Each structure stands twice: as structure tokens, then as C-alpha cells.
């Protein structure tokens, strides 16, 4: 199996691999590990869901006041890893994260199930709470108050796009001779340098 992309952009290869993972019925194919860094230099990592891949990078959504949101506000440098064990593939990305437009966040927010929209409105993500029942009650009260009206996206909730500056494609090989190819983007032109094969 070749690790070389069909085009000059490794992000197009990533999008193709993600689609193949979906068709292969890989569980949670959009799941990816997102690593950020705190003010004290401590790393933090969690699983989030990929909600878009374009020519710039990868899009995900969260609460801006969450730990990852606060860390990205202080230091936009971040890294992402996709791992599809069943396909023997992994993709690593490094770059800078920035908020997507309000219109883009609105569009995605309103594509979510209504229950998820309501939960986003009442959940102070990453903050201490007394118990989950309090949030359930707040969600139920909001649902009754809104009736059939549209749920407004909270200003504190929205998307980020990690503009990839480096991408590494990985394919599992026999006897642990895995194939690793790294691509680096020229920050001025936006062009990708030809992939460099790395030792496994």
C-alpha cells in the first residue's frame, strides 16, 4: 500500500483516508487526538471529532471557555493525530489553530441534533459542577422555554481550524518497518514541500 498522496497536498490524502475509514465501517473514524499546551508548558490531550478537512487544515468545534479553548487562546500551537488501527494508518498534523468564522460556526451548530444544541447552551465545559442532574434540569428548562423556536448558538461555542504546517502520513509495515512520509508547508506561498521519507 502506497503512502504517497494522489495530489501534492497531504491534506487531500487525509480526506481520502478518512473517507475510506468511513466506508470500512471503522468505529468513530472522525475521532482525533488534539494536543494543546498550557501557560506553564504542560501538554494536554483529548479526543475531539473532525468536522471538516479543507486546503488549510482540519476543523473541530468546542466551547471556547473549555481548557483547550483557553489554552489555544494563549498559545495557538497545537497537534492532531488520527489513528485507524484497522487500516494500519495514522496521520499527524502540527500547526496553528484559529477560530472559524461566526457563519461557519452557526452553520455547523444548527446541523447538530437539537439535544446537542441545548446541551451546549447549558454546559460550562471544563468547569466544576455539583452534579450532572443540575445540567439535565437546566437543559430541560431551556427546551420548554424555547418550544419550537430555534436554539441560538452560544457566543462561547464555536469552531477552530488547525492550519497545518506539517503533516506526517504513516502506514503500518511488516516487522515494524512502517512507512512514514513528512510534508512541510511553506508559510509564505502555502505550497507543500515534497514528502520526505522518515525512518520508522
Protein backbone atom coordinates (compact mmCIF):
# COMPACT_ATOMS: atom_id res chain seq x y z
CA UNK A 1 0.00 0.00 0.00
CA UNK A 2 1.48 3.32 -1.04
CA UNK A 3 1.81 6.23 1.35
CA UNK A 4 2.26 8.75 -1.46
CA UNK A 5 -0.64 11.19 -1.89
CA UNK A 6 -2.57 11.28 -5.15
CA UNK A 7 -2.02 15.06 -5.24
CA UNK A 8 0.62 17.44 -3.94
CA UNK A 9 -1.42 18.12 -0.78
CA UNK A 10 -1.22 15.64 2.11
CA UNK A 11 -4.49 17.13 3.36
CA UNK A 12 -6.25 15.69 0.31
CA UNK A 13 -4.72 12.35 1.19
CA UNK A 14 -6.03 12.76 4.75
CA UNK A 15 -9.54 13.48 3.44
CA UNK A 16 -9.34 10.42 1.19
CA UNK A 17 -8.15 8.19 4.03
CA UNK A 18 -10.92 9.44 6.30
CA UNK A 19 -13.50 8.60 3.65
CA UNK A 20 -12.01 5.12 3.27
CA UNK A 21 -12.21 4.65 7.04
CA UNK A 22 -15.91 5.56 6.92
CA UNK A 23 -16.58 3.10 4.10
CA UNK A 24 -14.67 0.41 6.00
CA UNK A 25 -17.03 0.94 8.95
CA UNK A 26 -14.18 1.87 11.26
CA UNK A 27 -15.63 2.86 14.61
CA UNK A 28 -15.62 6.65 15.15
CA UNK A 29 -13.47 7.39 12.07
CA UNK A 30 -13.63 11.17 12.76
CA UNK A 31 -12.11 10.78 16.24
CA UNK A 32 -8.75 12.50 16.60
CA UNK A 33 -6.44 13.36 19.48
CA UNK A 34 -5.92 17.11 19.93
CA UNK A 35 -2.88 18.26 21.93
CA UNK A 36 -2.55 21.79 23.32
CA UNK A 37 -0.13 23.47 25.70
CA UNK A 38 -0.87 25.35 28.93
CA UNK A 39 0.72 28.58 30.12
CA UNK A 40 3.14 26.58 32.25
CA UNK A 41 4.24 24.47 29.28
CA UNK A 42 2.30 21.39 30.37
CA UNK A 43 0.78 19.44 27.48
CA UNK A 44 -2.87 18.42 27.45
CA UNK A 45 -4.54 15.99 25.08
CA UNK A 46 -8.10 14.82 24.47
CA UNK A 47 -10.23 13.20 21.77
CA UNK A 48 -12.35 15.52 19.62
CA UNK A 49 -14.19 14.96 16.34
CA UNK A 50 -13.03 16.15 12.95
CA UNK A 51 -15.81 18.20 11.37
CA UNK A 52 -14.10 19.22 8.17
CA UNK A 53 -10.91 18.99 6.12
CA UNK A 54 -10.02 21.64 3.57
CA UNK A 55 -6.96 23.05 1.82
CA UNK A 56 -5.89 24.79 5.03
CA UNK A 57 -6.32 22.09 7.61
CA UNK A 58 -8.75 20.38 9.98
CA UNK A 59 -11.86 21.82 11.65
CA UNK A 60 -13.27 20.91 15.06
CA UNK A 61 -15.77 22.51 17.46
CA UNK A 62 -15.79 23.13 21.19
CA UNK A 63 -16.56 25.56 23.99
CA UNK A 64 -14.15 28.50 23.81
CA UNK A 65 -14.09 28.63 27.62
CA UNK A 66 -13.04 24.99 27.93
CA UNK A 67 -9.50 24.09 28.90
CA UNK A 68 -8.49 23.54 25.28
CA UNK A 69 -10.16 26.80 24.28
CA UNK A 70 -8.29 28.76 26.90
CA UNK A 71 -5.01 27.08 26.02
CA UNK A 72 -5.47 27.81 22.32
CA UNK A 73 -6.23 31.45 23.13
CA UNK A 74 -2.93 31.73 24.98
CA UNK A 75 -0.91 29.57 22.58
CA UNK A 76 -2.44 28.62 19.21
CA UNK A 77 0.17 25.93 18.53
CA UNK A 78 -1.45 22.51 18.52
CA UNK A 79 -1.09 18.99 17.16
CA UNK A 80 -3.59 16.40 15.97
CA UNK A 81 -3.38 12.64 15.44
CA UNK A 82 -5.77 10.37 13.56
CA UNK A 83 -5.28 6.63 14.07
CA UNK A 84 -7.22 3.97 12.18
CA UNK A 85 -5.77 0.77 13.62
CA UNK A 86 -7.97 -1.48 11.47
CA UNK A 87 -6.48 0.08 8.33
CA UNK A 88 -2.94 0.37 9.66
CA UNK A 89 -2.88 4.11 9.07
CA UNK A 90 -2.05 7.19 11.10
CA UNK A 91 -1.85 10.90 10.27
CA UNK A 92 -0.13 13.54 12.41
CA UNK A 93 -0.62 17.28 11.93
CA UNK A 94 1.11 20.25 13.54
CA UNK A 95 0.18 23.90 13.13
CA UNK A 96 -1.66 26.93 14.43
CA UNK A 97 -5.33 26.89 15.43
CA UNK A 98 -7.64 29.85 14.83
CA UNK A 99 -11.38 30.29 15.23
CA UNK A 100 -13.53 29.76 12.16
CA UNK A 101 -16.00 32.46 11.14
CA UNK A 102 -19.21 33.00 13.07
CA UNK A 103 -21.17 31.99 9.97
CA UNK A 104 -19.29 28.69 9.75
CA UNK A 105 -19.88 28.01 13.46
CA UNK A 106 -23.58 28.89 13.10
CA UNK A 107 -24.00 26.54 10.15
CA UNK A 108 -22.43 23.61 11.95
CA UNK A 109 -24.21 24.32 15.25
CA UNK A 110 -27.60 24.19 13.57
CA UNK A 111 -26.72 20.94 11.79
CA UNK A 112 -26.31 19.21 15.16
CA UNK A 113 -29.13 17.28 16.88
CA UNK A 114 -31.36 19.63 18.87
CA UNK A 115 -30.44 17.90 22.13
CA UNK A 116 -26.76 18.58 21.49
CA UNK A 117 -27.54 22.24 20.76
CA UNK A 118 -29.40 22.57 24.05
CA UNK A 119 -26.61 20.84 25.97
CA UNK A 120 -24.04 23.25 24.51
CA UNK A 121 -26.11 26.16 25.82
CA UNK A 122 -26.19 24.98 29.43
CA UNK A 123 -22.84 23.23 29.88
CA UNK A 124 -19.96 25.28 31.35
CA UNK A 125 -17.41 22.90 29.86
CA UNK A 126 -14.36 22.05 31.98
CA UNK A 127 -15.82 23.91 34.99
CA UNK A 128 -16.57 22.18 38.34
CA UNK A 129 -20.22 21.24 38.81
CA UNK A 130 -22.16 19.81 41.76
CA UNK A 131 -23.73 17.02 39.73
CA UNK A 132 -24.91 16.14 36.23
CA UNK A 133 -28.56 16.30 37.27
CA UNK A 134 -28.30 20.10 37.54
CA UNK A 135 -27.28 20.32 33.88
CA UNK A 136 -30.06 17.95 32.85
CA UNK A 137 -32.58 20.17 34.64
CA UNK A 138 -31.17 23.31 33.01
CA UNK A 139 -31.37 21.65 29.59
CA UNK A 140 -34.99 20.60 30.20
CA UNK A 141 -35.98 24.11 31.33
CA UNK A 142 -34.38 25.65 28.24
CA UNK A 143 -36.13 23.15 25.99
CA UNK A 144 -39.52 24.04 27.48
CA UNK A 145 -38.81 27.77 27.33
CA UNK A 146 -37.85 27.64 23.64
CA UNK A 147 -40.66 25.46 22.45
CA UNK A 148 -40.32 25.12 18.68
CA UNK A 149 -38.04 28.13 18.31
CA UNK A 150 -34.52 27.84 17.00
CA UNK A 151 -31.72 27.32 19.50
CA UNK A 152 -29.26 30.21 19.27
CA UNK A 153 -25.60 29.26 19.17
CA UNK A 154 -23.91 30.38 22.39
CA UNK A 155 -21.26 33.03 21.75
CA UNK A 156 -18.84 30.92 23.79
CA UNK A 157 -19.20 27.91 21.47
CA UNK A 158 -17.73 27.52 18.01
CA UNK A 159 -15.10 26.09 15.73
CA UNK A 160 -11.37 26.11 15.19
CA UNK A 161 -9.34 25.34 12.11
CA UNK A 162 -5.88 23.92 12.67
CA UNK A 163 -3.86 25.34 9.76
CA UNK A 164 -1.46 22.51 9.18
CA UNK A 165 2.20 23.45 8.82
CA UNK A 166 3.44 19.86 8.88
CA UNK A 167 1.70 16.57 8.09
CA UNK A 168 3.07 13.07 8.53
CA UNK A 169 1.45 10.08 6.83
CA UNK A 170 2.10 6.65 8.37
CA UNK A 171 1.29 3.15 7.14
CA UNK A 172 1.96 0.03 9.19
CA UNK A 173 4.56 -2.28 7.68
CA UNK A 174 5.85 -5.79 8.24
CA UNK A 175 8.39 -6.34 11.00
CA UNK A 176 7.71 -2.78 12.20
CA UNK A 177 9.25 -1.28 9.07
CA UNK A 178 6.48 1.29 8.89
CA UNK A 179 6.29 3.81 6.06
CA UNK A 180 6.46 7.44 7.27
CA UNK A 181 6.38 10.44 4.96
CA UNK A 182 6.51 14.02 6.24
CA UNK A 183 5.32 17.11 4.37
CA UNK A 184 6.11 20.70 5.38
CA UNK A 185 4.26 23.76 4.14
CA UNK A 186 5.95 26.97 3.03
CA UNK A 187 4.27 29.58 5.23
CA UNK A 188 4.52 32.34 2.59
CA UNK A 189 3.37 30.52 -0.54
CA UNK A 190 1.27 27.88 1.18
CA UNK A 191 2.83 25.20 -1.05
CA UNK A 192 3.74 21.80 0.34
CA UNK A 193 7.31 20.55 0.11
CA UNK A 194 7.70 17.10 -1.39
CA UNK A 195 7.30 14.41 1.22
CA UNK A 196 10.42 13.23 2.99
CA UNK A 197 10.63 9.56 3.90
CA UNK A 198 11.48 9.06 7.58
CA UNK A 199 12.93 6.02 9.31
CA UNK A 200 10.22 4.08 11.16
